[in-house]
Amino acid sequence: MNFTQVMSRSLHYCGIYGFLAFVLLAAPGLSLAVQAANAFDDWELLTLPDKTPAEFTPFGATGLRIDSDRSVAFLYTEMTREGGKRLSWRWRVDKSPPPAPQDQVGRDDRPLAIHFWFPKPPEERSFFDDLGSVFGYPAIGRVMTYVWGGTETRGATMDHPHFADGRLIILRGPEAAVGTWYDEAIDLTADYRRAFGEAPPDRLYLAISADSDDLGGKSSAMVDGLRWDEGTAAAIPGALQEAARP
């Protein structure tokens, strides 16, 4: 290979690498889009028959925006707690439907909720549970739901209106300011034990939802930084202070 051929090939490679460097430097958003991943990328969308689905939009590495316009849906994933007792996150609501009672089916709209669905043991699964799994519906046994919304203030607890073996806890009620980030930390192990009299299973479904289909409102909210750790959370005033269920 003569000098002219060497220089020609060198300039060719320099041109390629120079172009790549230009793309990476001049268009960092493009490089980030290729490299970055969001914690919710692999979560599943669960919609309800004859209901317009709420919209879920990931942002950053650990954030999720949830918008609802006369709609409802759940974004969920199956996971293990891996020994973690406390789930921490931060969330905010920018637009909320009018406060509604969370223990009444057909009226329980809210801008945001975080759910823990515990799978039914195999011996308790029915034919309809197995059929539902074919269409993407998890077979749910016990449920713990933590809500931003409703007419009650922080710490109010009630039987779950949609699950006979479920509990619902208000984390942020009418007193919560719109457009403000709030940090949360819930001790799932302690709450579950008080509700059901035993430690929770390690495997569970974690779900996030918005619900404004009943009363026809709109909502816009965000969740960020969901994580498990070994610590215990400070008690939520009034939450689950009654005796454990039998």
C-alpha atoms as a PDB file:
ATOM      1  CA  MET A   1       0.000   0.000   0.000  1.00  0.00           C
ATOM      2  CA  ASN A   2       1.536   3.327  -1.056  1.00  0.00           C
ATOM      3  CA  PHE A   3       1.512   6.627   0.811  1.00  0.00           C
ATOM      4  CA  THR A   4      -1.477   7.975  -1.103  1.00  0.00           C
ATOM      5  CA  GLN A   5      -3.543   4.876  -0.263  1.00  0.00           C
ATOM      6  CA  VAL A   6      -2.544   5.084   3.430  1.00  0.00           C
ATOM      7  CA  MET A   7      -3.518   8.751   3.629  1.00  0.00           C
ATOM      8  CA  SER A   8      -6.762   8.116   1.794  1.00  0.00           C
ATOM      9  CA  ARG A   9      -7.741   5.348   4.206  1.00  0.00           C
ATOM     10  CA  SER A  10      -6.658   7.412   7.203  1.00  0.00           C
ATOM     11  CA  LEU A  11      -8.751  10.356   6.073  1.00  0.00           C
ATOM     12  CA  HIS A  12     -11.667   7.989   5.489  1.00  0.00           C
ATOM     13  CA  TYR A  13     -11.506   6.677   9.071  1.00  0.00           C
ATOM     14  CA  CYS A  14     -10.962  10.160  10.447  1.00  0.00           C
ATOM     15  CA  GLY A  15     -14.074  11.250   8.633  1.00  0.00           C
ATOM     16  CA  ILE A  16     -16.122   8.429  10.166  1.00  0.00           C
ATOM     17  CA  TYR A  17     -14.848   8.989  13.703  1.00  0.00           C
ATOM     18  CA  GLY A  18     -15.113  12.722  13.343  1.00  0.00           C
ATOM     19  CA  PHE A  19     -18.731  12.385  12.309  1.00  0.00           C
ATOM     20  CA  LEU A  20     -19.465  10.100  15.281  1.00  0.00           C
ATOM     21  CA  ALA A  21     -17.756  12.538  17.639  1.00  0.00           C
ATOM     22  CA  PHE A  22     -19.830  15.366  16.186  1.00  0.00           C
ATOM     23  CA  VAL A  23     -23.046  13.400  16.746  1.00  0.00           C
ATOM     24  CA  LEU A  24     -22.130  12.614  20.357  1.00  0.00           C
ATOM     25  CA  LEU A  25     -21.037  16.150  21.165  1.00  0.00           C
ATOM     26  CA  ALA A  26     -23.537  18.131  19.149  1.00  0.00           C
ATOM     27  CA  ALA A  27     -26.547  15.907  19.909  1.00  0.00           C
ATOM     28  CA  PRO A  28     -26.181  14.643  23.503  1.00  0.00           C
ATOM     29  CA  GLY A  29     -29.904  14.000  23.692  1.00  0.00           C
ATOM     30  CA  LEU A  30     -29.564  11.417  20.962  1.00  0.00           C
ATOM     31  CA  SER A  31     -26.695   9.614  22.694  1.00  0.00           C
ATOM     32  CA  LEU A  32     -28.610   9.605  25.989  1.00  0.00           C
ATOM     33  CA  ALA A  33     -31.704   8.250  24.289  1.00  0.00           C
ATOM     34  CA  VAL A  34     -29.672   5.334  23.014  1.00  0.00           C
ATOM     35  CA  GLN A  35     -27.866   4.633  26.281  1.00  0.00           C
ATOM     36  CA  ALA A  36     -30.387   5.546  28.979  1.00  0.00           C
ATOM     37  CA  ALA A  37     -33.013   3.188  30.369  1.00  0.00           C
ATOM     38  CA  ASN A  38     -35.966   3.901  32.599  1.00  0.00           C
ATOM     39  CA  ALA A  39     -36.954   1.751  35.565  1.00  0.00           C
ATOM     40  CA  PHE A  40     -40.478   1.370  34.154  1.00  0.00           C
ATOM     41  CA  ASP A  41     -39.503   0.276  30.649  1.00  0.00           C
ATOM     42  CA  ASP A  42     -40.381  -3.393  31.270  1.00  0.00           C
ATOM     43  CA  TRP A  43     -43.551  -2.873  33.304  1.00  0.00           C
ATOM     44  CA  GLU A  44     -46.874  -4.149  31.949  1.00  0.00           C
ATOM     45  CA  LEU A  45     -49.969  -2.069  31.224  1.00  0.00           C
ATOM     46  CA  LEU A  46     -53.221  -3.409  32.647  1.00  0.00           C
ATOM     47  CA  THR A  47     -56.406  -1.878  31.225  1.00  0.00           C
ATOM     48  CA  LEU A  48     -60.026  -2.518  32.147  1.00  0.00           C
ATOM     49  CA  PRO A  49     -62.771  -3.576  29.722  1.00  0.00           C
ATOM     50  CA  ASP A  50     -64.727  -0.690  28.215  1.00  0.00           C
ATOM     51  CA  LYS A  51     -62.542   1.880  30.012  1.00  0.00           C
ATOM     52  CA  THR A  52     -60.287   4.472  28.409  1.00  0.00           C
ATOM     53  CA  PRO A  53     -56.743   3.807  29.676  1.00  0.00           C
ATOM     54  CA  ALA A  54     -54.758   6.361  31.644  1.00  0.00           C
ATOM     55  CA  GLU A  55     -51.398   7.330  30.122  1.00  0.00           C
ATOM     56  CA  PHE A  56     -47.994   6.461  31.610  1.00  0.00           C
ATOM     57  CA  THR A  57     -44.896   8.337  30.398  1.00  0.00           C
ATOM     58  CA  PRO A  58     -41.435   7.466  31.782  1.00  0.00           C
ATOM     59  CA  PHE A  59     -38.954  10.286  32.381  1.00  0.00           C
ATOM     60  CA  GLY A  60     -35.331  10.294  33.488  1.00  0.00           C
ATOM     61  CA  ALA A  61     -33.966   7.063  34.957  1.00  0.00           C
ATOM     62  CA  THR A  62     -36.578   6.422  37.662  1.00  0.00           C
ATOM     63  CA  GLY A  63     -39.519   8.727  36.967  1.00  0.00           C
ATOM     64  CA  LEU A  64     -43.053   8.107  35.717  1.00  0.00           C
ATOM     65  CA  ARG A  65     -45.752  10.600  34.731  1.00  0.00           C
ATOM     66  CA  ILE A  66     -49.376   9.483  34.958  1.00  0.00           C
ATOM     67  CA  ASP A  67     -52.177  11.370  33.187  1.00  0.00           C
ATOM     68  CA  SER A  68     -55.846  10.508  33.351  1.00  0.00           C
ATOM     69  CA  ASP A  69     -58.820  12.029  31.533  1.00  0.00           C
ATOM     70  CA  ARG A  70     -62.002  10.138  32.431  1.00  0.00           C
ATOM     71  CA  SER A  71     -59.809   7.057  32.354  1.00  0.00           C
ATOM     72  CA  VAL A  72     -58.183   4.355  34.464  1.00  0.00           C
ATOM     73  CA  ALA A  73     -55.292   1.909  34.095  1.00  0.00           C
ATOM     74  CA  PHE A  74     -52.506   0.191  36.020  1.00  0.00           C
ATOM     75  CA  LEU A  75     -48.809  -0.121  35.238  1.00  0.00           C
ATOM     76  CA  TYR A  76     -47.395  -3.116  37.099  1.00  0.00           C
ATOM     77  CA  THR A  77     -44.519  -5.529  37.470  1.00  0.00           C
ATOM     78  CA  GLU A  78     -43.926  -8.782  39.326  1.00  0.00           C
ATOM     79  CA  MET A  79     -40.972  -8.669  41.705  1.00  0.00           C
ATOM     80  CA  THR A  80     -39.481  -9.898  44.949  1.00  0.00           C
ATOM     81  CA  ARG A  81     -38.830  -7.773  48.009  1.00  0.00           C
ATOM     82  CA  GLU A  82     -35.491  -9.575  48.531  1.00  0.00           C
ATOM     83  CA  GLY A  83     -35.810  -9.048  52.262  1.00  0.00           C
ATOM     84  CA  GLY A  84     -36.587  -5.332  51.998  1.00  0.00           C
ATOM     85  CA  LYS A  85     -39.167  -4.094  54.468  1.00  0.00           C
ATOM     86  CA  ARG A  86     -39.589  -0.465  53.454  1.00  0.00           C
ATOM     87  CA  LEU A  87     -40.514   1.042  50.093  1.00  0.00           C
ATOM     88  CA  SER A  88     -39.523   4.673  49.570  1.00  0.00           C
ATOM     89  CA  TRP A  89     -40.401   7.099  46.796  1.00  0.00           C
ATOM     90  CA  ARG A  90     -41.392  10.680  46.079  1.00  0.00           C
ATOM     91  CA  TRP A  91     -44.517  11.823  44.266  1.00  0.00           C
ATOM     92  CA  ARG A  92     -46.468  14.922  43.313  1.00  0.00           C
ATOM     93  CA  VAL A  93     -49.866  15.752  41.870  1.00  0.00           C
ATOM     94  CA  ASP A  94     -50.257  18.687  39.487  1.00  0.00           C
ATOM     95  CA  LYS A  95     -53.938  18.221  38.702  1.00  0.00           C
ATOM     96  CA  SER A  96     -56.508  16.246  40.679  1.00  0.00           C
ATOM     97  CA  PRO A  97     -60.168  15.295  40.313  1.00  0.00           C
ATOM     98  CA  PRO A  98     -62.463  16.441  43.128  1.00  0.00           C
ATOM     99  CA  PRO A  99     -61.966  14.465  46.371  1.00  0.00           C
ATOM    100  CA  ALA A 100     -64.109  11.334  46.404  1.00  0.00           C
ATOM    101  CA  PRO A 101     -64.762   8.603  49.006  1.00  0.00           C
ATOM    102  CA  GLN A 102     -62.263   5.795  48.460  1.00  0.00           C
ATOM    103  CA  ASP A 103     -64.396   3.064  50.017  1.00  0.00           C
ATOM    104  CA  GLN A 104     -67.286   3.388  47.542  1.00  0.00           C
ATOM    105  CA  VAL A 105     -67.221   1.429  44.297  1.00  0.00           C
ATOM    106  CA  GLY A 106     -68.130   3.669  41.379  1.00  0.00           C
ATOM    107  CA  ARG A 107     -66.985   6.846  43.159  1.00  0.00           C
ATOM    108  CA  ASP A 108     -63.381   6.103  44.173  1.00  0.00           C
ATOM    109  CA  ASP A 109     -61.552   8.390  41.720  1.00  0.00           C
ATOM    110  CA  ARG A 110     -58.033   9.551  42.664  1.00  0.00           C
ATOM    111  CA  PRO A 111     -54.995  10.993  40.901  1.00  0.00           C
ATOM    112  CA  LEU A 112     -52.515   8.394  42.115  1.00  0.00           C
ATOM    113  CA  ALA A 113     -52.213   5.116  44.018  1.00  0.00           C
ATOM    114  CA  ILE A 114     -49.516   2.532  44.656  1.00  0.00           C
ATOM    115  CA  HIS A 115     -50.690  -1.047  45.036  1.00  0.00           C
ATOM    116  CA  PHE A 116     -49.175  -4.241  46.367  1.00  0.00           C
ATOM    117  CA  TRP A 117     -50.913  -7.270  44.898  1.00  0.00           C
ATOM    118  CA  PHE A 118     -50.017 -10.600  46.445  1.00  0.00           C
ATOM    119  CA  PRO A 119     -50.518 -13.605  44.155  1.00  0.00           C
ATOM    120  CA  LYS A 120     -52.944 -16.298  45.209  1.00  0.00           C
ATOM    121  CA  PRO A 121     -51.319 -19.558  46.314  1.00  0.00           C
ATOM    122  CA  PRO A 122     -51.629 -22.212  43.580  1.00  0.00           C
ATOM    123  CA  GLU A 123     -54.123 -24.214  45.649  1.00  0.00           C
ATOM    124  CA  GLU A 124     -56.464 -21.181  45.815  1.00  0.00           C
ATOM    125  CA  ARG A 125     -56.382 -20.331  42.125  1.00  0.00           C
ATOM    126  CA  SER A 126     -59.588 -20.913  40.211  1.00  0.00           C
ATOM    127  CA  PHE A 127     -60.246 -21.686  36.565  1.00  0.00           C
ATOM    128  CA  PHE A 128     -61.041 -18.008  36.023  1.00  0.00           C
ATOM    129  CA  ASP A 129     -57.719 -16.958  37.610  1.00  0.00           C
ATOM    130  CA  ASP A 130     -55.855 -19.198  35.187  1.00  0.00           C
ATOM    131  CA  LEU A 131     -57.951 -17.953  32.287  1.00  0.00           C
ATOM    132  CA  GLY A 132     -57.317 -14.343  33.280  1.00  0.00           C
ATOM    133  CA  SER A 133     -53.561 -14.915  33.332  1.00  0.00           C
ATOM    134  CA  VAL A 134     -53.747 -15.851  29.656  1.00  0.00           C
ATOM    135  CA  PHE A 135     -55.028 -12.325  28.942  1.00  0.00           C
ATOM    136  CA  GLY A 136     -52.479 -10.640  31.202  1.00  0.00           C
ATOM    137  CA  TYR A 137     -54.530 -10.351  34.395  1.00  0.00           C
ATOM    138  CA  PRO A 138     -52.542 -11.422  37.473  1.00  0.00           C
ATOM    139  CA  ALA A 139     -54.261 -13.750  39.945  1.00  0.00           C
ATOM    140  CA  ILE A 140     -54.551 -11.435  42.945  1.00  0.00           C
ATOM    141  CA  GLY A 141     -55.121 -12.560  46.518  1.00  0.00           C
ATOM    142  CA  ARG A 142     -54.455 -10.043  49.281  1.00  0.00           C
ATOM    143  CA  VAL A 143     -54.031  -6.349  48.454  1.00  0.00           C
ATOM    144  CA  MET A 144     -52.472  -3.321  50.124  1.00  0.00           C
ATOM    145  CA  THR A 145     -53.199   0.017  48.400  1.00  0.00           C
ATOM    146  CA  TYR A 146     -51.664   3.375  49.340  1.00  0.00           C
ATOM    147  CA  VAL A 147     -53.561   6.374  47.957  1.00  0.00           C
ATOM    148  CA  TRP A 148     -53.070  10.018  47.131  1.00  0.00           C
ATOM    149  CA  GLY A 149     -56.634  11.284  47.027  1.00  0.00           C
ATOM    150  CA  GLY A 150     -59.999  10.796  48.675  1.00  0.00           C
ATOM    151  CA  THR A 151     -61.954  12.771  51.233  1.00  0.00           C
ATOM    152  CA  GLU A 152     -60.125  11.486  54.320  1.00  0.00           C
ATOM    153  CA  THR A 153     -56.873  12.883  55.709  1.00  0.00           C
ATOM    154  CA  ARG A 154     -53.470  11.198  55.959  1.00  0.00           C
ATOM    155  CA  GLY A 155     -53.525   7.934  57.898  1.00  0.00           C
ATOM    156  CA  ALA A 156     -57.172   6.994  57.303  1.00  0.00           C
ATOM    157  CA  THR A 157     -57.593   3.264  56.641  1.00  0.00           C
ATOM    158  CA  MET A 158     -60.490   1.263  55.282  1.00  0.00           C
ATOM    159  CA  ASP A 159     -61.465  -2.068  53.801  1.00  0.00           C
ATOM    160  CA  HIS A 160     -60.633  -2.234  50.130  1.00  0.00           C
ATOM    161  CA  PRO A 161     -63.792  -1.655  48.047  1.00  0.00           C
ATOM    162  CA  HIS A 162     -62.666  -3.997  45.240  1.00  0.00           C
ATOM    163  CA  PHE A 163     -61.012  -6.853  47.156  1.00  0.00           C
ATOM    164  CA  ALA A 164     -62.537  -8.779  50.048  1.00  0.00           C
ATOM    165  CA  ASP A 165     -59.063  -9.420  51.429  1.00  0.00           C
ATOM    166  CA  GLY A 166     -57.578  -5.962  50.984  1.00  0.00           C
ATOM    167  CA  ARG A 167     -56.744  -2.788  52.888  1.00  0.00           C
ATOM    168  CA  LEU A 168     -56.533   0.796  51.667  1.00  0.00           C
ATOM    169  CA  ILE A 169     -54.495   3.543  53.356  1.00  0.00           C
ATOM    170  CA  ILE A 170     -54.647   7.262  52.589  1.00  0.00           C
ATOM    171  CA  LEU A 171     -51.136   8.707  52.406  1.00  0.00           C
ATOM    172  CA  ARG A 172     -52.082  12.128  51.046  1.00  0.00           C
ATOM    173  CA  GLY A 173     -55.580  13.535  51.266  1.00  0.00           C
ATOM    174  CA  PRO A 174     -57.242  16.935  50.661  1.00  0.00           C
ATOM    175  CA  GLU A 175     -54.593  18.627  52.807  1.00  0.00           C
ATOM    176  CA  ALA A 176     -51.793  17.815  50.325  1.00  0.00           C
ATOM    177  CA  ALA A 177     -50.657  20.746  48.178  1.00  0.00           C
ATOM    178  CA  VAL A 178     -50.859  20.479  44.400  1.00  0.00           C
ATOM    179  CA  GLY A 179     -47.547  20.899  42.565  1.00  0.00           C
ATOM    180  CA  THR A 180     -45.432  19.853  45.566  1.00  0.00           C
ATOM    181  CA  TRP A 181     -43.119  16.837  45.840  1.00  0.00           C
ATOM    182  CA  TYR A 182     -43.683  14.667  48.932  1.00  0.00           C
ATOM    183  CA  ASP A 183     -41.307  11.979  50.162  1.00  0.00           C
ATOM    184  CA  GLU A 184     -42.895   8.714  51.319  1.00  0.00           C
ATOM    185  CA  ALA A 185     -41.611   5.635  53.119  1.00  0.00           C
ATOM    186  CA  ILE A 186     -43.969   2.815  54.042  1.00  0.00           C
ATOM    187  CA  ASP A 187     -43.109  -0.226  56.140  1.00  0.00           C
ATOM    188  CA  LEU A 188     -44.906  -2.872  54.111  1.00  0.00           C
ATOM    189  CA  THR A 189     -43.909  -5.711  56.433  1.00  0.00           C
ATOM    190  CA  ALA A 190     -45.385  -3.983  59.484  1.00  0.00           C
ATOM    191  CA  ASP A 191     -48.527  -2.789  57.681  1.00  0.00           C
ATOM    192  CA  TYR A 192     -49.187  -6.223  56.189  1.00  0.00           C
ATOM    193  CA  ARG A 193     -48.666  -7.952  59.535  1.00  0.00           C
ATOM    194  CA  ARG A 194     -51.100  -5.602  61.266  1.00  0.00           C
ATOM    195  CA  ALA A 195     -53.671  -6.100  58.503  1.00  0.00           C
ATOM    196  CA  PHE A 196     -53.388  -9.868  58.038  1.00  0.00           C
ATOM    197  CA  GLY A 197     -51.613 -11.210  61.115  1.00  0.00           C
ATOM    198  CA  GLU A 198     -48.508 -12.551  59.352  1.00  0.00           C
ATOM    199  CA  ALA A 199     -45.483 -11.472  57.326  1.00  0.00           C
ATOM    200  CA  PRO A 200     -46.052 -10.740  53.627  1.00  0.00           C
ATOM    201  CA  PRO A 201     -44.825 -13.109  50.915  1.00  0.00           C
ATOM    202  CA  ASP A 202     -41.569 -12.100  49.234  1.00  0.00           C
ATOM    203  CA  ARG A 203     -43.059 -12.261  45.736  1.00  0.00           C
ATOM    204  CA  LEU A 204     -45.624  -9.652  44.792  1.00  0.00           C
ATOM    205  CA  TYR A 205     -46.909  -7.361  42.083  1.00  0.00           C
ATOM    206  CA  LEU A 206     -46.164  -3.653  42.443  1.00  0.00           C
ATOM    207  CA  ALA A 207     -48.605  -1.439  40.547  1.00  0.00           C
ATOM    208  CA  ILE A 208     -49.176   2.277  39.970  1.00  0.00           C
ATOM    209  CA  SER A 209     -52.538   3.655  38.879  1.00  0.00           C
ATOM    210  CA  ALA A 210     -54.612   6.732  38.169  1.00  0.00           C
ATOM    211  CA  ASP A 211     -58.408   6.630  38.236  1.00  0.00           C
ATOM    212  CA  SER A 212     -60.798   9.334  37.032  1.00  0.00           C
ATOM    213  CA  ASP A 213     -63.327   7.293  35.062  1.00  0.00           C
ATOM    214  CA  ASP A 214     -66.190   7.300  37.561  1.00  0.00           C
ATOM    215  CA  LEU A 215     -66.816  10.991  38.163  1.00  0.00           C
ATOM    216  CA  GLY A 216     -65.347  12.320  34.922  1.00  0.00           C
ATOM    217  CA  GLY A 217     -62.344  14.299  36.120  1.00  0.00           C
ATOM    218  CA  LYS A 218     -58.764  14.812  34.988  1.00  0.00           C
ATOM    219  CA  SER A 219     -55.503  14.221  36.807  1.00  0.00           C
ATOM    220  CA  SER A 220     -51.779  14.590  36.243  1.00  0.00           C
ATOM    221  CA  ALA A 221     -49.161  13.228  38.633  1.00  0.00           C
ATOM    222  CA  MET A 222     -45.586  11.925  38.903  1.00  0.00           C
ATOM    223  CA  VAL A 223     -43.732   9.216  40.825  1.00  0.00           C
ATOM    224  CA  ASP A 224     -39.964   9.007  41.129  1.00  0.00           C
ATOM    225  CA  GLY A 225     -37.253   6.997  42.910  1.00  0.00           C
ATOM    226  CA  LEU A 226     -39.085   3.835  43.994  1.00  0.00           C
ATOM    227  CA  ARG A 227     -36.678   1.672  46.012  1.00  0.00           C
ATOM    228  CA  TRP A 228     -36.625  -1.088  48.644  1.00  0.00           C
ATOM    229  CA  ASP A 229     -34.435  -0.977  51.723  1.00  0.00           C
ATOM    230  CA  GLU A 230     -34.066  -2.688  55.089  1.00  0.00           C
ATOM    231  CA  GLY A 231     -35.057   0.268  57.246  1.00  0.00           C
ATOM    232  CA  THR A 232     -38.347   0.813  59.022  1.00  0.00           C
ATOM    233  CA  ALA A 233     -40.575   3.739  58.173  1.00  0.00           C
ATOM    234  CA  ALA A 234     -42.026   6.154  60.675  1.00  0.00           C
ATOM    235  CA  ALA A 235     -45.602   5.230  61.533  1.00  0.00           C
ATOM    236  CA  ILE A 236     -48.279   7.018  59.515  1.00  0.00           C
ATOM    237  CA  PRO A 237     -50.552   8.752  62.046  1.00  0.00           C
ATOM    238  CA  GLY A 238     -53.678   6.649  62.530  1.00  0.00           C
ATOM    239  CA  ALA A 239     -52.834   4.060  59.889  1.00  0.00           C
ATOM    240  CA  LEU A 240     -53.653   0.424  60.657  1.00  0.00           C
ATOM    241  CA  GLN A 241     -53.765   0.847  64.405  1.00  0.00           C
ATOM    242  CA  GLU A 242     -56.675  -1.531  64.808  1.00  0.00           C
ATOM    243  CA  ALA A 243     -56.131  -5.126  65.871  1.00  0.00           C
ATOM    244  CA  ALA A 244     -54.781  -7.515  63.279  1.00  0.00           C
ATOM    245  CA  ARG A 245     -57.305  -9.433  61.286  1.00  0.00           C
ATOM    246  CA  PRO A 246     -57.876 -13.061  62.206  1.00  0.00           C
END
